[in-house]
Amino acid sequence: MFAIRLSKVVMTGGLSIWGLLVVLGNTTDYGTNWAFVQHVLAMDTIFPDSTLKWRAITDPEYQRTAYLIIIVTEGLTALAFLIASVAMAARLRAPTEQFRRARALTAWGVLLGFGLYFIGFMAIGAEWFAMWQSKTWNGQQAAFMFVAVILAVGIYVLLDNDGSSD
């Protein structure tokens, strides 16, 4: 059971590291990702004859607010995974119920990550702002990859397969 518990710590910790690197990238290379948010919200690279352009948000202040929400949510996601991995690591050899309570913290990271990348990018970005129509500013593939990894790790970590005979 130790290897299963350790794998859950490592996977959750890996999501935390990934999330922290995403936040680092969005803050140290602000302009590149800011351009992505601007173009998606402005809908200026979707099909020229699209009748959906009425949904566009072109006000830079609203765009900056959206970008700030994205960065903060990425940071909270990374923090949730960090807290969960540290809590699980501290209870690697603890009784089953203590480890279960620690691993349950992973659900917060899954919730935040799913909310951002599936609801935020795939539902709102791709469908409401028609990001799927843009050849240049289309983040669907990356968002799907993020959602898939977050959900796969979340399912594995939350599986009830790390107990012992206690």
C-alpha atoms as a PDB file:
ATOM      1  CA  MET A   1       0.000   0.000   0.000  1.00  0.00           C
ATOM      2  CA  PHE A   2       2.946   2.342   0.536  1.00  0.00           C
ATOM      3  CA  ALA A   3       3.702   2.479  -3.219  1.00  0.00           C
ATOM      4  CA  ILE A   4       0.073   3.340  -4.005  1.00  0.00           C
ATOM      5  CA  ARG A   5       0.024   6.100  -1.420  1.00  0.00           C
ATOM      6  CA  LEU A   6       3.381   7.435  -2.601  1.00  0.00           C
ATOM      7  CA  SER A   7       2.183   7.456  -6.220  1.00  0.00           C
ATOM      8  CA  LYS A   8      -0.800   9.557  -5.158  1.00  0.00           C
ATOM      9  CA  VAL A   9       1.483  12.040  -3.425  1.00  0.00           C
ATOM     10  CA  VAL A  10       3.776  12.250  -6.458  1.00  0.00           C
ATOM     11  CA  MET A  11       0.932  12.651  -8.954  1.00  0.00           C
ATOM     12  CA  THR A  12      -0.792  15.326  -6.917  1.00  0.00           C
ATOM     13  CA  GLY A  13       2.529  17.053  -6.305  1.00  0.00           C
ATOM     14  CA  GLY A  14       3.193  16.889 -10.035  1.00  0.00           C
ATOM     15  CA  LEU A  15      -0.065  18.710 -10.719  1.00  0.00           C
ATOM     16  CA  SER A  16       0.984  21.331  -8.200  1.00  0.00           C
ATOM     17  CA  ILE A  17       4.365  21.827  -9.887  1.00  0.00           C
ATOM     18  CA  TRP A  18       2.688  22.045 -13.282  1.00  0.00           C
ATOM     19  CA  GLY A  19       0.165  24.564 -11.970  1.00  0.00           C
ATOM     20  CA  LEU A  20       2.851  26.704 -10.374  1.00  0.00           C
ATOM     21  CA  LEU A  21       4.798  26.724 -13.657  1.00  0.00           C
ATOM     22  CA  VAL A  22       1.648  27.804 -15.522  1.00  0.00           C
ATOM     23  CA  VAL A  23       1.209  30.711 -13.105  1.00  0.00           C
ATOM     24  CA  LEU A  24       4.903  31.578 -13.408  1.00  0.00           C
ATOM     25  CA  GLY A  25       4.601  31.593 -17.196  1.00  0.00           C
ATOM     26  CA  ASN A  26       1.483  33.754 -17.155  1.00  0.00           C
ATOM     27  CA  THR A  27       3.087  36.296 -14.848  1.00  0.00           C
ATOM     28  CA  THR A  28       6.626  36.413 -16.286  1.00  0.00           C
ATOM     29  CA  ASP A  29       5.463  36.247 -19.923  1.00  0.00           C
ATOM     30  CA  TYR A  30       2.331  38.250 -19.292  1.00  0.00           C
ATOM     31  CA  GLY A  31       2.124  39.725 -22.781  1.00  0.00           C
ATOM     32  CA  THR A  32       1.988  36.466 -24.722  1.00  0.00           C
ATOM     33  CA  ASN A  33      -0.884  35.011 -22.744  1.00  0.00           C
ATOM     34  CA  TRP A  34      -2.536  38.413 -22.449  1.00  0.00           C
ATOM     35  CA  ALA A  35      -2.680  38.498 -26.267  1.00  0.00           C
ATOM     36  CA  PHE A  36      -4.396  35.093 -26.212  1.00  0.00           C
ATOM     37  CA  VAL A  37      -7.072  36.317 -23.788  1.00  0.00           C
ATOM     38  CA  GLN A  38      -7.570  39.536 -25.760  1.00  0.00           C
ATOM     39  CA  HIS A  39      -8.054  37.779 -29.088  1.00  0.00           C
ATOM     40  CA  VAL A  40     -10.363  35.096 -27.714  1.00  0.00           C
ATOM     41  CA  LEU A  41     -12.572  37.627 -25.936  1.00  0.00           C
ATOM     42  CA  ALA A  42     -12.512  40.112 -28.821  1.00  0.00           C
ATOM     43  CA  MET A  43     -13.391  37.303 -31.249  1.00  0.00           C
ATOM     44  CA  ASP A  44     -11.279  39.105 -33.860  1.00  0.00           C
ATOM     45  CA  THR A  45      -9.780  35.969 -35.405  1.00  0.00           C
ATOM     46  CA  ILE A  46     -12.919  33.870 -35.805  1.00  0.00           C
ATOM     47  CA  PHE A  47     -14.624  33.310 -39.168  1.00  0.00           C
ATOM     48  CA  PRO A  48     -15.137  36.732 -40.769  1.00  0.00           C
ATOM     49  CA  ASP A  49     -18.805  36.113 -41.522  1.00  0.00           C
ATOM     50  CA  SER A  50     -19.652  34.643 -38.112  1.00  0.00           C
ATOM     51  CA  THR A  51     -22.909  35.927 -36.666  1.00  0.00           C
ATOM     52  CA  LEU A  52     -21.628  35.265 -33.138  1.00  0.00           C
ATOM     53  CA  LYS A  53     -19.415  38.353 -32.921  1.00  0.00           C
ATOM     54  CA  TRP A  54     -22.058  40.169 -30.874  1.00  0.00           C
ATOM     55  CA  ARG A  55     -20.718  38.161 -27.922  1.00  0.00           C
ATOM     56  CA  ALA A  56     -17.279  39.787 -28.132  1.00  0.00           C
ATOM     57  CA  ILE A  57     -15.761  41.620 -25.189  1.00  0.00           C
ATOM     58  CA  THR A  58     -13.457  44.337 -26.472  1.00  0.00           C
ATOM     59  CA  ASP A  59     -13.122  46.544 -23.405  1.00  0.00           C
ATOM     60  CA  PRO A  60      -9.512  46.141 -22.197  1.00  0.00           C
ATOM     61  CA  GLU A  61     -10.540  46.459 -18.550  1.00  0.00           C
ATOM     62  CA  TYR A  62     -12.963  43.541 -18.804  1.00  0.00           C
ATOM     63  CA  GLN A  63     -10.314  41.582 -20.667  1.00  0.00           C
ATOM     64  CA  ARG A  64      -7.729  42.303 -17.948  1.00  0.00           C
ATOM     65  CA  THR A  65     -10.231  41.256 -15.292  1.00  0.00           C
ATOM     66  CA  ALA A  66     -10.818  37.971 -17.107  1.00  0.00           C
ATOM     67  CA  TYR A  67      -7.055  37.384 -17.374  1.00  0.00           C
ATOM     68  CA  LEU A  68      -6.599  38.143 -13.679  1.00  0.00           C
ATOM     69  CA  ILE A  69      -9.354  35.647 -12.815  1.00  0.00           C
ATOM     70  CA  ILE A  70      -7.593  33.035 -14.956  1.00  0.00           C
ATOM     71  CA  ILE A  71      -4.222  33.602 -13.263  1.00  0.00           C
ATOM     72  CA  VAL A  72      -5.716  33.616  -9.761  1.00  0.00           C
ATOM     73  CA  THR A  73      -7.651  30.422 -10.473  1.00  0.00           C
ATOM     74  CA  GLU A  74      -4.499  28.768 -11.820  1.00  0.00           C
ATOM     75  CA  GLY A  75      -2.707  29.790  -8.631  1.00  0.00           C
ATOM     76  CA  LEU A  76      -5.478  28.483  -6.395  1.00  0.00           C
ATOM     77  CA  THR A  77      -5.513  25.214  -8.339  1.00  0.00           C
ATOM     78  CA  ALA A  78      -1.770  24.794  -7.865  1.00  0.00           C
ATOM     79  CA  LEU A  79      -2.063  25.696  -4.176  1.00  0.00           C
ATOM     80  CA  ALA A  80      -4.870  23.184  -3.633  1.00  0.00           C
ATOM     81  CA  PHE A  81      -2.791  20.409  -5.199  1.00  0.00           C
ATOM     82  CA  LEU A  82       0.238  21.487  -3.138  1.00  0.00           C
ATOM     83  CA  ILE A  83      -1.729  21.401   0.122  1.00  0.00           C
ATOM     84  CA  ALA A  84      -3.183  17.992  -0.776  1.00  0.00           C
ATOM     85  CA  SER A  85       0.197  16.506  -1.677  1.00  0.00           C
ATOM     86  CA  VAL A  86       1.858  17.815   1.490  1.00  0.00           C
ATOM     87  CA  ALA A  87      -1.042  16.545   3.627  1.00  0.00           C
ATOM     88  CA  MET A  88      -0.823  13.095   2.022  1.00  0.00           C
ATOM     89  CA  ALA A  89       2.967  13.017   2.333  1.00  0.00           C
ATOM     90  CA  ALA A  90       2.692  13.782   6.033  1.00  0.00           C
ATOM     91  CA  ARG A  91       0.328  10.810   6.418  1.00  0.00           C
ATOM     92  CA  LEU A  92       2.021   8.246   4.181  1.00  0.00           C
ATOM     93  CA  ARG A  93       2.256   5.732   7.015  1.00  0.00           C
ATOM     94  CA  ALA A  94      -0.760   6.952   8.980  1.00  0.00           C
ATOM     95  CA  PRO A  95      -3.903   4.905   9.558  1.00  0.00           C
ATOM     96  CA  THR A  96      -6.163   4.592   6.524  1.00  0.00           C
ATOM     97  CA  GLU A  97      -8.770   7.128   7.634  1.00  0.00           C
ATOM     98  CA  GLN A  98      -6.146   9.840   8.183  1.00  0.00           C
ATOM     99  CA  PHE A  99      -4.671   9.286   4.718  1.00  0.00           C
ATOM    100  CA  ARG A 100      -8.160   9.299   3.169  1.00  0.00           C
ATOM    101  CA  ARG A 101      -8.934  12.677   4.735  1.00  0.00           C
ATOM    102  CA  ALA A 102      -5.652  14.053   3.396  1.00  0.00           C
ATOM    103  CA  ARG A 103      -6.180  12.723  -0.131  1.00  0.00           C
ATOM    104  CA  ALA A 104      -9.717  14.150  -0.173  1.00  0.00           C
ATOM    105  CA  LEU A 105      -8.105  17.608  -0.335  1.00  0.00           C
ATOM    106  CA  THR A 106      -7.160  16.740  -3.927  1.00  0.00           C
ATOM    107  CA  ALA A 107     -10.807  17.267  -4.851  1.00  0.00           C
ATOM    108  CA  TRP A 108     -10.343  21.034  -4.395  1.00  0.00           C
ATOM    109  CA  GLY A 109      -7.621  21.105  -7.047  1.00  0.00           C
ATOM    110  CA  VAL A 110      -9.716  18.948  -9.362  1.00  0.00           C
ATOM    111  CA  LEU A 111     -12.707  21.246  -8.842  1.00  0.00           C
ATOM    112  CA  LEU A 112     -10.721  24.407  -9.576  1.00  0.00           C
ATOM    113  CA  GLY A 113      -8.783  22.918 -12.497  1.00  0.00           C
ATOM    114  CA  PHE A 114     -11.889  21.440 -14.111  1.00  0.00           C
ATOM    115  CA  GLY A 115     -13.722  24.703 -13.571  1.00  0.00           C
ATOM    116  CA  LEU A 116     -11.005  26.726 -15.267  1.00  0.00           C
ATOM    117  CA  TYR A 117      -9.980  24.481 -18.130  1.00  0.00           C
ATOM    118  CA  PHE A 118     -13.256  22.767 -18.989  1.00  0.00           C
ATOM    119  CA  ILE A 119     -15.885  25.333 -18.036  1.00  0.00           C
ATOM    120  CA  GLY A 120     -13.691  28.389 -18.633  1.00  0.00           C
ATOM    121  CA  PHE A 121     -11.716  27.426 -21.719  1.00  0.00           C
ATOM    122  CA  MET A 122     -13.665  24.626 -23.397  1.00  0.00           C
ATOM    123  CA  ALA A 123     -17.242  25.690 -22.672  1.00  0.00           C
ATOM    124  CA  ILE A 124     -17.036  29.475 -22.419  1.00  0.00           C
ATOM    125  CA  GLY A 125     -13.906  30.142 -24.501  1.00  0.00           C
ATOM    126  CA  ALA A 126     -14.445  27.599 -27.249  1.00  0.00           C
ATOM    127  CA  GLU A 127     -18.219  27.700 -27.491  1.00  0.00           C
ATOM    128  CA  TRP A 128     -19.404  31.103 -26.270  1.00  0.00           C
ATOM    129  CA  PHE A 129     -16.485  33.063 -27.739  1.00  0.00           C
ATOM    130  CA  ALA A 130     -16.171  30.677 -30.725  1.00  0.00           C
ATOM    131  CA  MET A 131     -12.485  30.028 -30.052  1.00  0.00           C
ATOM    132  CA  TRP A 132     -12.849  26.866 -32.153  1.00  0.00           C
ATOM    133  CA  GLN A 133     -13.184  29.090 -35.236  1.00  0.00           C
ATOM    134  CA  SER A 134      -9.744  30.650 -34.752  1.00  0.00           C
ATOM    135  CA  LYS A 135      -6.711  29.054 -36.377  1.00  0.00           C
ATOM    136  CA  THR A 136      -4.337  31.251 -34.373  1.00  0.00           C
ATOM    137  CA  TRP A 137      -5.893  31.644 -30.911  1.00  0.00           C
ATOM    138  CA  ASN A 138      -7.463  28.260 -30.251  1.00  0.00           C
ATOM    139  CA  GLY A 139      -6.637  26.725 -26.879  1.00  0.00           C
ATOM    140  CA  GLN A 140      -9.075  23.813 -27.008  1.00  0.00           C
ATOM    141  CA  GLN A 141      -6.456  21.100 -27.472  1.00  0.00           C
ATOM    142  CA  ALA A 142      -4.316  22.314 -24.575  1.00  0.00           C
ATOM    143  CA  ALA A 143      -7.361  22.800 -22.346  1.00  0.00           C
ATOM    144  CA  PHE A 144      -8.571  19.279 -23.115  1.00  0.00           C
ATOM    145  CA  MET A 145      -5.148  17.858 -22.274  1.00  0.00           C
ATOM    146  CA  PHE A 146      -5.158  19.733 -18.953  1.00  0.00           C
ATOM    147  CA  VAL A 147      -8.671  18.546 -18.106  1.00  0.00           C
ATOM    148  CA  ALA A 148      -7.827  14.947 -19.014  1.00  0.00           C
ATOM    149  CA  VAL A 149      -4.711  14.864 -16.829  1.00  0.00           C
ATOM    150  CA  ILE A 150      -6.406  16.610 -13.901  1.00  0.00           C
ATOM    151  CA  LEU A 151      -9.383  14.241 -14.030  1.00  0.00           C
ATOM    152  CA  ALA A 152      -7.232  11.124 -14.479  1.00  0.00           C
ATOM    153  CA  VAL A 153      -5.053  11.997 -11.493  1.00  0.00           C
ATOM    154  CA  GLY A 154      -8.088  13.053  -9.469  1.00  0.00           C
ATOM    155  CA  ILE A 155      -9.869   9.766 -10.128  1.00  0.00           C
ATOM    156  CA  TYR A 156      -6.791   7.735  -9.270  1.00  0.00           C
ATOM    157  CA  VAL A 157      -5.986   9.683  -6.110  1.00  0.00           C
ATOM    158  CA  LEU A 158      -9.551   9.542  -4.853  1.00  0.00           C
ATOM    159  CA  LEU A 159      -9.867   5.793  -5.491  1.00  0.00           C
ATOM    160  CA  ASP A 160     -10.244   3.832  -2.309  1.00  0.00           C
ATOM    161  CA  ASN A 161      -7.290   1.510  -2.942  1.00  0.00           C
ATOM    162  CA  ASP A 162      -4.630   2.779  -0.543  1.00  0.00           C
ATOM    163  CA  GLY A 163      -5.820   1.360   2.770  1.00  0.00           C
ATOM    164  CA  SER A 164      -4.296  -1.301   4.876  1.00  0.00           C
ATOM    165  CA  SER A 165      -5.568  -3.931   7.222  1.00  0.00           C
ATOM    166  CA  ASP A 166      -5.926  -1.498  10.149  1.00  0.00           C
END
